Amino acid sequence: MEIPFTYRGQHGRVVVSLETTLAPSTLGTQAGALGLANCRATIEFTAGGYFGLLGWVQLVCSTDNAFHGRQFEIDPFDPFGLYEHAPTPYCWYGITPTLFDAPARDKRADLDWIAHSFLAPTPLQGSQRLVSPLLGFSWGFHIFDKKNIVLKPVTLLAATDWEMHLPYLRDIYKEWQFAEMLAPTN
């Protein structure tokens, strides 16, 4: 899927691919990722340098998460412990950062897993910590049993999808401001 966007008068697009993980070791993930989904979202953006500073906020709803699938939570994946002492809603941040995720589960029992991934800039001036997404998409998988795993297709998210996450994000990241999703300009 390709998702166009415009930010600061510059055009960009996000190219999202969703695949079944066939060789976890080649992706640097655990053996429990075999047969599950992996997602990669790359950014192409005409703006250069610091104007390309963007971040991915990813929330996950899974029947085995802390909320037992009743609500989304910030993606808990932090393999290197980079963010445990840096309270940020971003799970990937940098100059046109690539989102990559390949969840793993050793147990193959009934499980529903869905991610909401949002691309957002943070202002460059001052100390304001503001997240206002440019776009969002959903992806995931469902495990029925060892032999039956279905990937959930990539679908575009709307501003209302972002808005449903705002109370949770505002409660968890009190030093940050979360605004409405920016209107698409393409």
C-alpha atoms as a PDB file:
ATOM      1  CA  MET A   1       0.000   0.000   0.000  1.00  0.00           C
ATOM      2  CA  GLU A   2       1.169   3.537  -0.764  1.00  0.00           C
ATOM      3  CA  ILE A   3      -0.054   6.417   1.388  1.00  0.00           C
ATOM      4  CA  PRO A   4       0.683   9.952   0.098  1.00  0.00           C
ATOM      5  CA  PHE A   5       1.114  12.932   2.413  1.00  0.00           C
ATOM      6  CA  THR A   6       2.143  16.594   2.357  1.00  0.00           C
ATOM      7  CA  TYR A   7       3.976  18.310   5.191  1.00  0.00           C
ATOM      8  CA  ARG A   8       5.547  21.792   5.211  1.00  0.00           C
ATOM      9  CA  GLY A   9       4.596  22.096   1.542  1.00  0.00           C
ATOM     10  CA  GLN A  10       6.685  19.055   0.619  1.00  0.00           C
ATOM     11  CA  HIS A  11       5.296  15.815  -0.772  1.00  0.00           C
ATOM     12  CA  GLY A  12       5.939  12.368   0.519  1.00  0.00           C
ATOM     13  CA  ARG A  13       4.605   8.873   0.605  1.00  0.00           C
ATOM     14  CA  VAL A  14       4.770   5.888   2.881  1.00  0.00           C
ATOM     15  CA  VAL A  15       5.147   2.481   1.263  1.00  0.00           C
ATOM     16  CA  VAL A  16       3.781  -0.268   3.523  1.00  0.00           C
ATOM     17  CA  SER A  17       4.439  -3.962   3.008  1.00  0.00           C
ATOM     18  CA  LEU A  18       2.992  -6.797   5.066  1.00  0.00           C
ATOM     19  CA  GLU A  19       4.386 -10.302   4.746  1.00  0.00           C
ATOM     20  CA  THR A  20       4.323 -13.646   6.495  1.00  0.00           C
ATOM     21  CA  THR A  21       7.554 -14.202   8.431  1.00  0.00           C
ATOM     22  CA  LEU A  22       9.128 -17.258   6.822  1.00  0.00           C
ATOM     23  CA  ALA A  23      12.691 -16.973   8.135  1.00  0.00           C
ATOM     24  CA  PRO A  24      12.764 -15.142  11.487  1.00  0.00           C
ATOM     25  CA  SER A  25      16.553 -15.316  11.802  1.00  0.00           C
ATOM     26  CA  THR A  26      16.996 -13.287   8.604  1.00  0.00           C
ATOM     27  CA  LEU A  27      14.875 -10.514  10.130  1.00  0.00           C
ATOM     28  CA  GLY A  28      16.618 -10.530  13.500  1.00  0.00           C
ATOM     29  CA  THR A  29      13.516 -11.690  15.299  1.00  0.00           C
ATOM     30  CA  GLN A  30      12.681 -14.658  17.507  1.00  0.00           C
ATOM     31  CA  ALA A  31      11.736 -18.122  16.250  1.00  0.00           C
ATOM     32  CA  GLY A  32       8.202 -17.483  17.572  1.00  0.00           C
ATOM     33  CA  ALA A  33       7.659 -15.027  14.717  1.00  0.00           C
ATOM     34  CA  LEU A  34       7.510 -17.877  12.194  1.00  0.00           C
ATOM     35  CA  GLY A  35       4.245 -17.722  10.277  1.00  0.00           C
ATOM     36  CA  LEU A  36       3.159 -14.423  11.833  1.00  0.00           C
ATOM     37  CA  ALA A  37       3.060 -10.992  10.177  1.00  0.00           C
ATOM     38  CA  ASN A  38       5.944  -8.627   9.667  1.00  0.00           C
ATOM     39  CA  CYS A  39       5.392  -5.058   8.566  1.00  0.00           C
ATOM     40  CA  ARG A  40       7.747  -2.529   7.009  1.00  0.00           C
ATOM     41  CA  ALA A  41       6.787   1.084   6.243  1.00  0.00           C
ATOM     42  CA  THR A  42       9.353   3.216   4.430  1.00  0.00           C
ATOM     43  CA  ILE A  43       9.104   6.948   3.902  1.00  0.00           C
ATOM     44  CA  GLU A  44       9.926   8.839   0.725  1.00  0.00           C
ATOM     45  CA  PHE A  45       9.896  12.596   1.352  1.00  0.00           C
ATOM     46  CA  THR A  46      11.067  15.526  -0.772  1.00  0.00           C
ATOM     47  CA  ALA A  47      12.036  17.631   2.257  1.00  0.00           C
ATOM     48  CA  GLY A  48      15.647  17.361   3.313  1.00  0.00           C
ATOM     49  CA  GLY A  49      17.608  17.358   6.527  1.00  0.00           C
ATOM     50  CA  TYR A  50      15.829  18.198   9.754  1.00  0.00           C
ATOM     51  CA  PHE A  51      12.517  18.659   7.955  1.00  0.00           C
ATOM     52  CA  GLY A  52      12.539  14.877   7.582  1.00  0.00           C
ATOM     53  CA  LEU A  53      12.519  14.341  11.360  1.00  0.00           C
ATOM     54  CA  LEU A  54       9.481  12.151  11.872  1.00  0.00           C
ATOM     55  CA  GLY A  55       8.371   9.474  14.269  1.00  0.00           C
ATOM     56  CA  TRP A  56       6.168   6.414  14.406  1.00  0.00           C
ATOM     57  CA  VAL A  57       3.699   5.958  17.247  1.00  0.00           C
ATOM     58  CA  GLN A  58       2.445   2.393  17.335  1.00  0.00           C
ATOM     59  CA  LEU A  59      -0.296   1.091  19.573  1.00  0.00           C
ATOM     60  CA  VAL A  60      -1.185  -2.594  19.813  1.00  0.00           C
ATOM     61  CA  CYS A  61      -4.339  -4.389  20.851  1.00  0.00           C
ATOM     62  CA  SER A  62      -3.809  -8.068  21.532  1.00  0.00           C
ATOM     63  CA  THR A  63      -5.835 -10.608  23.421  1.00  0.00           C
ATOM     64  CA  ASP A  64      -2.659 -11.380  25.402  1.00  0.00           C
ATOM     65  CA  ASN A  65      -1.765  -7.780  26.316  1.00  0.00           C
ATOM     66  CA  ALA A  66      -2.227  -6.108  29.710  1.00  0.00           C
ATOM     67  CA  PHE A  67      -5.804  -5.171  28.734  1.00  0.00           C
ATOM     68  CA  HIS A  68      -6.640  -8.650  27.355  1.00  0.00           C
ATOM     69  CA  GLY A  69      -7.628  -7.199  23.993  1.00  0.00           C
ATOM     70  CA  ARG A  70     -10.097  -4.681  25.422  1.00  0.00           C
ATOM     71  CA  GLN A  71      -8.007  -1.650  24.432  1.00  0.00           C
ATOM     72  CA  PHE A  72      -4.824  -0.584  22.690  1.00  0.00           C
ATOM     73  CA  GLU A  73      -1.573   0.099  24.519  1.00  0.00           C
ATOM     74  CA  ILE A  74       1.705   1.588  23.374  1.00  0.00           C
ATOM     75  CA  ASP A  75       3.746  -1.050  21.555  1.00  0.00           C
ATOM     76  CA  PRO A  76       5.817  -2.679  24.314  1.00  0.00           C
ATOM     77  CA  PHE A  77       8.605  -3.794  21.953  1.00  0.00           C
ATOM     78  CA  ASP A  78      11.962  -2.281  22.955  1.00  0.00           C
ATOM     79  CA  PRO A  79      14.612  -4.943  22.265  1.00  0.00           C
ATOM     80  CA  PHE A  80      17.589  -2.842  23.362  1.00  0.00           C
ATOM     81  CA  GLY A  81      15.967  -0.967  26.244  1.00  0.00           C
ATOM     82  CA  LEU A  82      16.521   2.311  24.391  1.00  0.00           C
ATOM     83  CA  TYR A  83      13.280   3.904  25.475  1.00  0.00           C
ATOM     84  CA  GLU A  84      12.756   2.579  29.003  1.00  0.00           C
ATOM     85  CA  HIS A  85      14.274   5.743  30.550  1.00  0.00           C
ATOM     86  CA  ALA A  86      13.272   8.102  27.750  1.00  0.00           C
ATOM     87  CA  PRO A  87       9.521   8.615  28.047  1.00  0.00           C
ATOM     88  CA  THR A  88       8.514   9.091  24.443  1.00  0.00           C
ATOM     89  CA  PRO A  89       5.467   7.907  22.521  1.00  0.00           C
ATOM     90  CA  TYR A  90       7.664   7.175  19.504  1.00  0.00           C
ATOM     91  CA  CYS A  91       8.895   3.663  18.920  1.00  0.00           C
ATOM     92  CA  TRP A  92      10.950   4.761  15.886  1.00  0.00           C
ATOM     93  CA  TYR A  93      12.158   8.335  15.397  1.00  0.00           C
ATOM     94  CA  GLY A  94      14.699   9.986  13.115  1.00  0.00           C
ATOM     95  CA  ILE A  95      15.140  11.380   9.638  1.00  0.00           C
ATOM     96  CA  THR A  96      12.557   9.493   7.553  1.00  0.00           C
ATOM     97  CA  PRO A  97      12.607   6.467   9.886  1.00  0.00           C
ATOM     98  CA  THR A  98      11.484   3.052   8.731  1.00  0.00           C
ATOM     99  CA  LEU A  99       8.829   1.313  10.785  1.00  0.00           C
ATOM    100  CA  PHE A 100       9.599  -2.390  11.120  1.00  0.00           C
ATOM    101  CA  ASP A 101       7.888  -4.882  13.357  1.00  0.00           C
ATOM    102  CA  ALA A 102       7.852  -8.679  13.389  1.00  0.00           C
ATOM    103  CA  PRO A 103       5.916  -9.806  16.476  1.00  0.00           C
ATOM    104  CA  ALA A 104       6.622 -13.235  17.924  1.00  0.00           C
ATOM    105  CA  ARG A 105       4.530 -15.636  19.975  1.00  0.00           C
ATOM    106  CA  ASP A 106       5.737 -19.058  21.110  1.00  0.00           C
ATOM    107  CA  LYS A 107       2.261 -20.235  22.045  1.00  0.00           C
ATOM    108  CA  ARG A 108      -0.033 -20.922  19.081  1.00  0.00           C
ATOM    109  CA  ALA A 109      -3.477 -20.672  20.625  1.00  0.00           C
ATOM    110  CA  ASP A 110      -6.347 -18.390  19.656  1.00  0.00           C
ATOM    111  CA  LEU A 111      -4.920 -14.850  19.577  1.00  0.00           C
ATOM    112  CA  ASP A 112      -5.962 -11.618  17.902  1.00  0.00           C
ATOM    113  CA  TRP A 113      -3.205  -8.998  17.360  1.00  0.00           C
ATOM    114  CA  ILE A 114      -3.668  -5.623  15.665  1.00  0.00           C
ATOM    115  CA  ALA A 115      -1.454  -2.541  15.416  1.00  0.00           C
ATOM    116  CA  HIS A 116      -2.345   1.072  14.731  1.00  0.00           C
ATOM    117  CA  SER A 117       0.747   2.811  13.331  1.00  0.00           C
ATOM    118  CA  PHE A 118       0.838   6.610  12.976  1.00  0.00           C
ATOM    119  CA  LEU A 119       3.479   8.787  11.300  1.00  0.00           C
ATOM    120  CA  ALA A 120       3.930  12.175  12.990  1.00  0.00           C
ATOM    121  CA  PRO A 121       6.286  15.146  13.044  1.00  0.00           C
ATOM    122  CA  THR A 122       7.335  16.943  16.210  1.00  0.00           C
ATOM    123  CA  PRO A 123       7.960  20.718  15.936  1.00  0.00           C
ATOM    124  CA  LEU A 124      11.572  21.794  15.571  1.00  0.00           C
ATOM    125  CA  GLN A 125      11.351  25.048  17.526  1.00  0.00           C
ATOM    126  CA  GLY A 126      11.288  25.360  21.281  1.00  0.00           C
ATOM    127  CA  SER A 127      10.764  22.594  23.762  1.00  0.00           C
ATOM    128  CA  GLN A 128       7.215  21.766  22.725  1.00  0.00           C
ATOM    129  CA  ARG A 129       6.611  18.026  22.565  1.00  0.00           C
ATOM    130  CA  LEU A 130       3.655  17.773  20.230  1.00  0.00           C
ATOM    131  CA  VAL A 131       2.447  14.772  18.250  1.00  0.00           C
ATOM    132  CA  SER A 132       0.013  15.422  15.408  1.00  0.00           C
ATOM    133  CA  PRO A 133      -0.058  12.529  12.912  1.00  0.00           C
ATOM    134  CA  LEU A 134       0.136  12.945   9.175  1.00  0.00           C
ATOM    135  CA  LEU A 135      -1.337   9.506   8.506  1.00  0.00           C
ATOM    136  CA  GLY A 136      -2.050   6.141  10.058  1.00  0.00           C
ATOM    137  CA  PHE A 137      -2.597   2.547   9.052  1.00  0.00           C
ATOM    138  CA  SER A 138      -3.630  -0.703  10.680  1.00  0.00           C
ATOM    139  CA  TRP A 139      -2.200  -4.214  10.288  1.00  0.00           C
ATOM    140  CA  GLY A 140      -2.050  -7.460  12.224  1.00  0.00           C
ATOM    141  CA  PHE A 141      -2.776 -11.163  12.372  1.00  0.00           C
ATOM    142  CA  HIS A 142      -4.998 -13.765  13.989  1.00  0.00           C
ATOM    143  CA  ILE A 143      -3.731 -17.098  15.287  1.00  0.00           C
ATOM    144  CA  PHE A 144      -6.430 -19.764  15.269  1.00  0.00           C
ATOM    145  CA  ASP A 145      -4.045 -22.662  16.021  1.00  0.00           C
ATOM    146  CA  LYS A 146      -0.599 -23.974  14.952  1.00  0.00           C
ATOM    147  CA  LYS A 147      -1.648 -24.432  11.333  1.00  0.00           C
ATOM    148  CA  ASN A 148      -4.082 -21.567  10.847  1.00  0.00           C
ATOM    149  CA  ILE A 149      -2.737 -18.024  10.956  1.00  0.00           C
ATOM    150  CA  VAL A 150      -4.332 -15.235   8.955  1.00  0.00           C
ATOM    151  CA  LEU A 151      -2.720 -11.851   8.273  1.00  0.00           C
ATOM    152  CA  LYS A 152      -4.995  -8.826   8.617  1.00  0.00           C
ATOM    153  CA  PRO A 153      -4.565  -6.582   5.586  1.00  0.00           C
ATOM    154  CA  VAL A 154      -3.088  -3.096   5.785  1.00  0.00           C
ATOM    155  CA  THR A 155      -5.901  -0.556   6.004  1.00  0.00           C
ATOM    156  CA  LEU A 156      -5.826   3.222   6.159  1.00  0.00           C
ATOM    157  CA  LEU A 157      -6.815   4.794   9.491  1.00  0.00           C
ATOM    158  CA  ALA A 158      -8.896   7.948   9.870  1.00  0.00           C
ATOM    159  CA  ALA A 159      -8.683  10.860  12.295  1.00  0.00           C
ATOM    160  CA  THR A 160     -11.342   9.180  14.460  1.00  0.00           C
ATOM    161  CA  ASP A 161      -9.021   6.188  14.927  1.00  0.00           C
ATOM    162  CA  TRP A 162      -6.308   8.512  16.259  1.00  0.00           C
ATOM    163  CA  GLU A 163      -8.790  10.336  18.485  1.00  0.00           C
ATOM    164  CA  MET A 164      -9.803   7.127  20.254  1.00  0.00           C
ATOM    165  CA  HIS A 165      -6.170   6.758  21.437  1.00  0.00           C
ATOM    166  CA  LEU A 166      -5.823  10.310  22.784  1.00  0.00           C
ATOM    167  CA  PRO A 167      -7.095   9.733  26.371  1.00  0.00           C
ATOM    168  CA  TYR A 168      -4.673   6.825  26.827  1.00  0.00           C
ATOM    169  CA  LEU A 169      -1.689   8.675  25.290  1.00  0.00           C
ATOM    170  CA  ARG A 170      -2.363  11.822  27.304  1.00  0.00           C
ATOM    171  CA  ASP A 171      -2.536   9.763  30.494  1.00  0.00           C
ATOM    172  CA  ILE A 172       0.706   7.854  29.830  1.00  0.00           C
ATOM    173  CA  TYR A 173       2.807  10.732  28.404  1.00  0.00           C
ATOM    174  CA  LYS A 174       1.959  13.741  30.538  1.00  0.00           C
ATOM    175  CA  GLU A 175       4.941  15.771  29.253  1.00  0.00           C
ATOM    176  CA  TRP A 176       3.627  15.499  25.681  1.00  0.00           C
ATOM    177  CA  GLN A 177       0.760  17.132  23.842  1.00  0.00           C
ATOM    178  CA  PHE A 178      -1.323  15.131  21.392  1.00  0.00           C
ATOM    179  CA  ALA A 179      -3.275  17.009  18.755  1.00  0.00           C
ATOM    180  CA  GLU A 180      -5.703  16.004  16.072  1.00  0.00           C
ATOM    181  CA  MET A 181      -4.476  14.207  12.980  1.00  0.00           C
ATOM    182  CA  LEU A 182      -3.432  16.723  10.330  1.00  0.00           C
ATOM    183  CA  ALA A 183      -5.855  16.922   7.424  1.00  0.00           C
ATOM    184  CA  PRO A 184      -4.601  15.166   4.291  1.00  0.00           C
ATOM    185  CA  THR A 185      -3.526  17.655   1.643  1.00  0.00           C
ATOM    186  CA  ASN A 186      -2.977  15.317  -1.299  1.00  0.00           C
END
